[in-house]
């Protein structure tokens, strides 16, 4: 059960890492696919730092938990995914409905749920042994 938990956390970490690297390396393409526009150097910096950097570091917490066998570190990954979900939901209510935004809500909430399930399976496996 612990291996399933680690695979689930690793899947979330991989999605976050790949997405984050995309925002770091190709911010203009990543921003466009996210519905954002960049018109100056500060925009590139914000996309790379605030989005790409946050995503890569969130992935790092998931990978750290797996490698160092510290399931509690998944709390950080999960809380960030939950914060993304809350921000997206807030946008739906304040800015209006958009089908692309719904996909974002589902993706970020799905990552949060995967992390919660991963943590619980891991915890159950440790109690069983």
N, C-alpha and C. Protein backbone atom coordinates (compact mmCIF):
# COMPACT_ATOMS: atom_id res chain seq x y z
N UNK A 1 0.82 -1.19 0.00
CA UNK A 1 0.00 0.00 0.00
C UNK A 1 0.87 1.26 0.00
N UNK A 2 2.00 1.17 0.68
CA UNK A 2 2.90 2.32 0.73
C UNK A 2 3.46 2.65 -0.65
N UNK A 3 3.72 1.63 -1.45
CA UNK A 3 4.25 1.87 -2.80
C UNK A 3 3.20 2.55 -3.66
N UNK A 4 1.94 2.19 -3.50
CA UNK A 4 0.86 2.86 -4.24
C UNK A 4 0.78 4.32 -3.84
N UNK A 5 0.92 4.57 -2.54
CA UNK A 5 0.90 5.95 -2.04
C UNK A 5 2.04 6.76 -2.65
N UNK A 6 3.21 6.17 -2.70
CA UNK A 6 4.37 6.87 -3.27
C UNK A 6 4.21 7.09 -4.77
N UNK A 7 3.63 6.13 -5.46
CA UNK A 7 3.39 6.29 -6.90
C UNK A 7 2.41 7.44 -7.14
N UNK A 8 1.35 7.49 -6.35
CA UNK A 8 0.36 8.57 -6.49
C UNK A 8 1.01 9.93 -6.24
N UNK A 9 1.80 10.03 -5.18
CA UNK A 9 2.48 11.29 -4.88
C UNK A 9 3.48 11.63 -5.98
N UNK A 10 4.15 10.61 -6.50
CA UNK A 10 5.10 10.82 -7.58
C UNK A 10 4.44 11.29 -8.87
N UNK A 11 3.24 10.81 -9.12
CA UNK A 11 2.49 11.24 -10.29
C UNK A 11 2.16 12.73 -10.19
N UNK A 12 1.68 13.14 -9.03
CA UNK A 12 1.38 14.56 -8.81
C UNK A 12 2.66 15.38 -8.92
N UNK A 13 3.73 14.91 -8.30
CA UNK A 13 5.01 15.62 -8.37
C UNK A 13 5.51 15.76 -9.80
N UNK A 14 5.34 14.71 -10.58
CA UNK A 14 5.79 14.74 -11.98
C UNK A 14 4.98 15.74 -12.80
N UNK A 15 3.67 15.76 -12.62
CA UNK A 15 2.82 16.72 -13.33
C UNK A 15 3.22 18.14 -12.97
N UNK A 16 3.42 18.38 -11.67
CA UNK A 16 3.81 19.72 -11.22
C UNK A 16 5.20 20.10 -11.73
N UNK A 17 6.12 19.16 -11.68
CA UNK A 17 7.49 19.45 -12.14
C UNK A 17 7.53 19.77 -13.63
N UNK A 18 6.87 18.95 -14.42
CA UNK A 18 6.87 19.17 -15.87
C UNK A 18 6.18 20.50 -16.22
N UNK A 19 5.07 20.76 -15.57
CA UNK A 19 4.37 22.04 -15.81
C UNK A 19 5.24 23.21 -15.38
N UNK A 20 5.85 23.09 -14.23
CA UNK A 20 6.70 24.16 -13.72
C UNK A 20 7.90 24.42 -14.62
N UNK A 21 8.52 23.35 -15.09
CA UNK A 21 9.67 23.50 -15.99
C UNK A 21 9.24 24.17 -17.29
N UNK A 22 8.06 23.82 -17.77
CA UNK A 22 7.52 24.46 -18.97
C UNK A 22 7.38 25.97 -18.76
N UNK A 23 6.85 26.38 -17.61
CA UNK A 23 6.72 27.81 -17.31
C UNK A 23 8.08 28.48 -17.13
N UNK A 24 9.06 27.76 -16.64
CA UNK A 24 10.40 28.33 -16.47
C UNK A 24 11.14 28.48 -17.79
N UNK A 25 11.05 27.47 -18.65
CA UNK A 25 11.84 27.46 -19.87
C UNK A 25 11.14 28.15 -21.04
N UNK A 26 9.86 27.96 -21.18
CA UNK A 26 9.09 28.53 -22.29
C UNK A 26 7.91 29.35 -21.75
N UNK A 27 8.19 30.43 -21.03
CA UNK A 27 7.10 31.18 -20.39
C UNK A 27 6.08 31.74 -21.37
N UNK A 28 6.52 32.12 -22.57
CA UNK A 28 5.58 32.70 -23.53
C UNK A 28 4.58 31.65 -24.02
N UNK A 29 5.04 30.41 -24.24
CA UNK A 29 4.15 29.34 -24.66
C UNK A 29 3.26 28.88 -23.51
N UNK A 30 3.85 28.72 -22.34
CA UNK A 30 3.10 28.28 -21.17
C UNK A 30 2.04 29.32 -20.80
N UNK A 31 2.43 30.58 -20.84
CA UNK A 31 1.49 31.65 -20.51
C UNK A 31 0.33 31.65 -21.49
N UNK A 32 0.63 31.49 -22.77
CA UNK A 32 -0.42 31.46 -23.78
C UNK A 32 -1.39 30.32 -23.57
N UNK A 33 -0.87 29.14 -23.22
CA UNK A 33 -1.75 27.99 -22.99
C UNK A 33 -2.57 28.16 -21.70
N UNK A 34 -2.11 29.05 -20.81
CA UNK A 34 -2.84 29.34 -19.58
C UNK A 34 -3.73 30.57 -19.71
N UNK A 35 -3.79 31.13 -20.91
CA UNK A 35 -4.63 32.30 -21.14
C UNK A 35 -4.03 33.60 -20.65
N UNK A 36 -2.71 33.63 -20.48
CA UNK A 36 -2.03 34.82 -19.99
C UNK A 36 -1.25 35.47 -21.14
N UNK A 37 -1.01 36.76 -21.02
CA UNK A 37 -0.17 37.44 -21.99
C UNK A 37 1.01 38.08 -21.26
N UNK A 38 2.12 38.15 -21.95
CA UNK A 38 3.32 38.76 -21.38
C UNK A 38 3.72 39.90 -22.31
N UNK A 39 3.85 41.10 -21.75
CA UNK A 39 4.23 42.22 -22.61
C UNK A 39 5.48 42.95 -22.14
N UNK A 40 6.16 42.42 -21.11
CA UNK A 40 7.40 43.05 -20.68
C UNK A 40 8.25 42.06 -19.88
N UNK A 41 9.45 42.49 -19.53
CA UNK A 41 10.39 41.65 -18.80
C UNK A 41 9.85 41.24 -17.44
N UNK A 42 9.16 42.14 -16.77
CA UNK A 42 8.58 41.80 -15.47
C UNK A 42 7.54 40.70 -15.61
N UNK A 43 6.80 40.71 -16.71
CA UNK A 43 5.83 39.64 -16.97
C UNK A 43 6.51 38.29 -17.09
N UNK A 44 7.63 38.26 -17.86
CA UNK A 44 8.39 37.01 -17.98
C UNK A 44 8.89 36.56 -16.61
N UNK A 45 9.39 37.50 -15.84
CA UNK A 45 9.90 37.20 -14.50
C UNK A 45 8.79 36.65 -13.61
N UNK A 46 7.63 37.24 -13.69
CA UNK A 46 6.50 36.79 -12.86
C UNK A 46 6.05 35.38 -13.25
N UNK A 47 5.96 35.14 -14.56
CA UNK A 47 5.56 33.80 -15.02
C UNK A 47 6.57 32.76 -14.59
N UNK A 48 7.85 33.07 -14.79
CA UNK A 48 8.89 32.11 -14.41
C UNK A 48 8.95 31.92 -12.90
N UNK A 49 8.99 33.02 -12.18
CA UNK A 49 9.18 32.93 -10.72
C UNK A 49 7.95 32.50 -9.96
N UNK A 50 6.86 33.20 -10.18
CA UNK A 50 5.66 32.95 -9.37
C UNK A 50 4.94 31.66 -9.76
N UNK A 51 4.87 31.39 -11.05
CA UNK A 51 4.17 30.17 -11.48
C UNK A 51 5.15 29.00 -11.60
N UNK A 52 6.16 29.15 -12.45
CA UNK A 52 7.11 28.06 -12.66
C UNK A 52 7.84 27.66 -11.40
N UNK A 53 8.36 28.64 -10.69
CA UNK A 53 9.10 28.36 -9.47
C UNK A 53 8.25 27.69 -8.40
N UNK A 54 7.03 28.17 -8.25
CA UNK A 54 6.13 27.58 -7.25
C UNK A 54 5.78 26.14 -7.62
N UNK A 55 5.53 25.91 -8.89
CA UNK A 55 5.19 24.55 -9.31
C UNK A 55 6.36 23.58 -9.12
N UNK A 56 7.54 24.01 -9.49
CA UNK A 56 8.72 23.14 -9.34
C UNK A 56 8.99 22.87 -7.86
N UNK A 57 8.89 23.87 -7.02
CA UNK A 57 9.14 23.66 -5.60
C UNK A 57 8.06 22.78 -4.97
N UNK A 58 6.83 22.92 -5.41
CA UNK A 58 5.76 22.06 -4.91
C UNK A 58 6.04 20.61 -5.28
N UNK A 59 6.51 20.40 -6.49
CA UNK A 59 6.91 19.05 -6.92
C UNK A 59 8.06 18.55 -6.06
N UNK A 60 9.00 19.44 -5.76
CA UNK A 60 10.16 19.04 -4.94
C UNK A 60 9.72 18.53 -3.57
N UNK A 61 8.69 19.14 -2.99
CA UNK A 61 8.18 18.65 -1.70
C UNK A 61 7.62 17.24 -1.84
N UNK A 62 6.92 16.97 -2.93
CA UNK A 62 6.38 15.62 -3.14
C UNK A 62 7.52 14.61 -3.31
N UNK A 63 8.51 14.97 -4.12
CA UNK A 63 9.65 14.06 -4.34
C UNK A 63 10.47 13.87 -3.06
N UNK A 64 10.63 14.94 -2.29
CA UNK A 64 11.35 14.84 -1.01
C UNK A 64 10.64 13.85 -0.09
N UNK A 65 9.32 13.95 -0.02
CA UNK A 65 8.55 13.03 0.82
C UNK A 65 8.81 11.58 0.41
N UNK A 66 8.82 11.35 -0.88
CA UNK A 66 9.01 9.98 -1.38
C UNK A 66 10.44 9.49 -1.12
N UNK A 67 11.41 10.30 -1.47
CA UNK A 67 12.81 9.90 -1.35
C UNK A 67 13.26 9.75 0.11
N UNK A 68 12.87 10.70 0.93
CA UNK A 68 13.29 10.69 2.34
C UNK A 68 12.33 9.92 3.24
N UNK A 69 11.27 9.37 2.64
CA UNK A 69 10.28 8.60 3.40
C UNK A 69 9.64 9.43 4.51
N UNK A 70 9.27 10.67 4.19
CA UNK A 70 8.66 11.59 5.16
C UNK A 70 7.30 12.03 4.64
N UNK A 71 6.31 11.22 4.93
CA UNK A 71 4.97 11.47 4.40
C UNK A 71 4.41 12.82 4.82
N UNK A 72 4.84 13.35 5.96
CA UNK A 72 4.33 14.63 6.45
C UNK A 72 4.63 15.78 5.48
N UNK A 73 5.67 15.63 4.70
CA UNK A 73 6.03 16.66 3.72
C UNK A 73 4.95 16.79 2.65
N UNK A 74 4.15 15.74 2.47
CA UNK A 74 3.05 15.81 1.51
C UNK A 74 2.01 16.85 1.91
N UNK A 75 1.97 17.21 3.20
CA UNK A 75 1.05 18.26 3.63
C UNK A 75 1.30 19.55 2.86
N UNK A 76 2.56 19.88 2.67
CA UNK A 76 2.92 21.10 1.96
C UNK A 76 2.43 21.04 0.51
N UNK A 77 2.70 19.94 -0.15
CA UNK A 77 2.25 19.76 -1.53
C UNK A 77 0.73 19.87 -1.62
N UNK A 78 0.05 19.19 -0.73
CA UNK A 78 -1.41 19.22 -0.73
C UNK A 78 -1.99 20.60 -0.45
N UNK A 79 -1.39 21.32 0.48
CA UNK A 79 -1.91 22.65 0.82
C UNK A 79 -1.72 23.62 -0.34
N UNK A 80 -0.63 23.50 -1.05
CA UNK A 80 -0.43 24.38 -2.22
C UNK A 80 -1.44 24.04 -3.31
N UNK A 81 -1.67 22.76 -3.57
CA UNK A 81 -2.67 22.36 -4.57
C UNK A 81 -4.06 22.83 -4.14
N UNK A 82 -4.35 22.77 -2.85
CA UNK A 82 -5.64 23.26 -2.35
C UNK A 82 -5.74 24.77 -2.53
N UNK A 83 -4.66 25.48 -2.28
CA UNK A 83 -4.67 26.94 -2.47
C UNK A 83 -4.91 27.29 -3.93
N UNK A 84 -4.32 26.54 -4.84
CA UNK A 84 -4.58 26.76 -6.27
C UNK A 84 -6.06 26.56 -6.57
N UNK A 85 -6.64 25.50 -5.99
CA UNK A 85 -8.05 25.19 -6.21
C UNK A 85 -8.93 26.32 -5.68
N UNK A 86 -8.64 26.78 -4.48
CA UNK A 86 -9.43 27.86 -3.88
C UNK A 86 -9.33 29.12 -4.73
N UNK A 87 -8.13 29.44 -5.18
CA UNK A 87 -7.95 30.61 -6.04
C UNK A 87 -8.74 30.50 -7.33
N UNK A 88 -8.74 29.32 -7.92
CA UNK A 88 -9.49 29.11 -9.16
C UNK A 88 -11.00 29.20 -8.91
N UNK A 89 -11.47 28.64 -7.80
CA UNK A 89 -12.89 28.74 -7.47
C UNK A 89 -13.29 30.18 -7.21
N UNK A 90 -12.45 30.90 -6.50
CA UNK A 90 -12.71 32.31 -6.24
C UNK A 90 -12.83 33.08 -7.56
N UNK A 91 -11.97 32.76 -8.49
CA UNK A 91 -12.02 33.41 -9.80
C UNK A 91 -13.33 33.09 -10.53
N UNK A 92 -13.79 31.84 -10.42
CA UNK A 92 -15.06 31.48 -11.05
C UNK A 92 -16.20 32.32 -10.51
N UNK A 93 -16.21 32.54 -9.20
CA UNK A 93 -17.28 33.31 -8.58
C UNK A 93 -17.15 34.81 -8.84
N UNK A 94 -15.94 35.32 -8.83
CA UNK A 94 -15.74 36.76 -8.99
C UNK A 94 -15.60 37.21 -10.44
N UNK A 95 -15.02 36.35 -11.29
CA UNK A 95 -14.71 36.76 -12.65
C UNK A 95 -15.63 36.16 -13.69
N UNK A 96 -16.41 35.16 -13.31
CA UNK A 96 -17.34 34.54 -14.24
C UNK A 96 -16.92 33.14 -14.66
N UNK A 97 -17.88 32.44 -15.19
CA UNK A 97 -17.69 31.06 -15.61
C UNK A 97 -16.89 31.00 -16.90
N UNK A 98 -15.98 30.05 -16.97
CA UNK A 98 -15.19 29.79 -18.16
C UNK A 98 -14.85 28.30 -18.15
N UNK A 99 -15.12 27.62 -19.24
CA UNK A 99 -14.87 26.18 -19.31
C UNK A 99 -13.41 25.84 -19.05
N UNK A 100 -12.50 26.68 -19.53
CA UNK A 100 -11.07 26.44 -19.29
C UNK A 100 -10.76 26.51 -17.79
N UNK A 101 -11.44 27.40 -17.10
CA UNK A 101 -11.23 27.51 -15.65
C UNK A 101 -11.71 26.27 -14.92
N UNK A 102 -12.79 25.68 -15.40
CA UNK A 102 -13.29 24.45 -14.77
C UNK A 102 -12.25 23.35 -14.88
N UNK A 103 -11.60 23.23 -16.03
CA UNK A 103 -10.55 22.22 -16.20
C UNK A 103 -9.43 22.46 -15.18
N UNK A 104 -9.08 23.73 -14.96
CA UNK A 104 -8.05 24.06 -13.98
C UNK A 104 -8.47 23.68 -12.57
N UNK A 105 -9.73 23.94 -12.23
CA UNK A 105 -10.25 23.57 -10.91
C UNK A 105 -10.16 22.05 -10.73
N UNK A 106 -10.61 21.33 -11.74
CA UNK A 106 -10.60 19.87 -11.66
C UNK A 106 -9.18 19.34 -11.52
N UNK A 107 -8.26 19.89 -12.30
CA UNK A 107 -6.86 19.43 -12.24
C UNK A 107 -6.23 19.72 -10.87
N UNK A 108 -6.35 20.95 -10.40
CA UNK A 108 -5.72 21.28 -9.11
C UNK A 108 -6.39 20.53 -7.96
N UNK A 109 -7.72 20.41 -8.00
CA UNK A 109 -8.41 19.66 -6.94
C UNK A 109 -8.06 18.18 -7.03
N UNK A 110 -7.95 17.66 -8.25
CA UNK A 110 -7.55 16.27 -8.42
C UNK A 110 -6.17 15.99 -7.82
N UNK A 111 -5.24 16.93 -8.02
CA UNK A 111 -3.91 16.76 -7.43
C UNK A 111 -4.00 16.78 -5.91
N UNK A 112 -4.82 17.68 -5.37
CA UNK A 112 -5.02 17.74 -3.92
C UNK A 112 -5.57 16.40 -3.41
N UNK A 113 -6.58 15.88 -4.07
CA UNK A 113 -7.19 14.61 -3.65
C UNK A 113 -6.18 13.47 -3.74
N UNK A 114 -5.40 13.43 -4.80
CA UNK A 114 -4.36 12.39 -4.94
C UNK A 114 -3.38 12.46 -3.78
N UNK A 115 -2.99 13.66 -3.40
CA UNK A 115 -2.04 13.81 -2.30
C UNK A 115 -2.67 13.36 -0.98
N UNK A 116 -3.92 13.72 -0.75
CA UNK A 116 -4.61 13.31 0.48
C UNK A 116 -4.73 11.78 0.53
N UNK A 117 -5.14 11.18 -0.56
CA UNK A 117 -5.26 9.72 -0.61
C UNK A 117 -3.89 9.08 -0.42
N UNK A 118 -2.89 9.63 -1.06
CA UNK A 118 -1.52 9.12 -0.92
C UNK A 118 -1.09 9.14 0.55
N UNK A 119 -1.31 10.28 1.21
CA UNK A 119 -0.93 10.40 2.61
C UNK A 119 -1.66 9.37 3.47
N UNK A 120 -2.95 9.23 3.25
CA UNK A 120 -3.75 8.30 4.06
C UNK A 120 -3.34 6.85 3.83
N UNK A 121 -3.09 6.48 2.57
CA UNK A 121 -2.63 5.11 2.29
C UNK A 121 -1.27 4.85 2.94
N UNK A 122 -0.39 5.84 2.85
CA UNK A 122 0.94 5.73 3.44
C UNK A 122 0.82 5.55 4.94
N UNK A 123 -0.02 6.38 5.55
CA UNK A 123 -0.22 6.32 7.01
C UNK A 123 -0.79 4.96 7.41
N UNK A 124 -1.75 4.46 6.65
CA UNK A 124 -2.36 3.15 6.94
C UNK A 124 -1.33 2.04 6.82
N UNK A 125 -0.47 2.13 5.81
CA UNK A 125 0.57 1.11 5.62
C UNK A 125 1.56 1.12 6.78
N UNK A 126 1.89 2.30 7.28
CA UNK A 126 2.83 2.38 8.40
C UNK A 126 2.21 1.82 9.69
N UNK A 127 0.94 2.07 9.89
CA UNK A 127 0.26 1.54 11.08
C UNK A 127 0.12 0.02 11.03
N UNK A 128 -0.02 -0.50 9.81
CA UNK A 128 -0.17 -1.95 9.64
C UNK A 128 1.15 -2.69 9.86
N UNK A 129 2.26 -2.00 9.70
CA UNK A 129 3.54 -2.70 9.85
C UNK A 129 4.16 -2.55 11.20
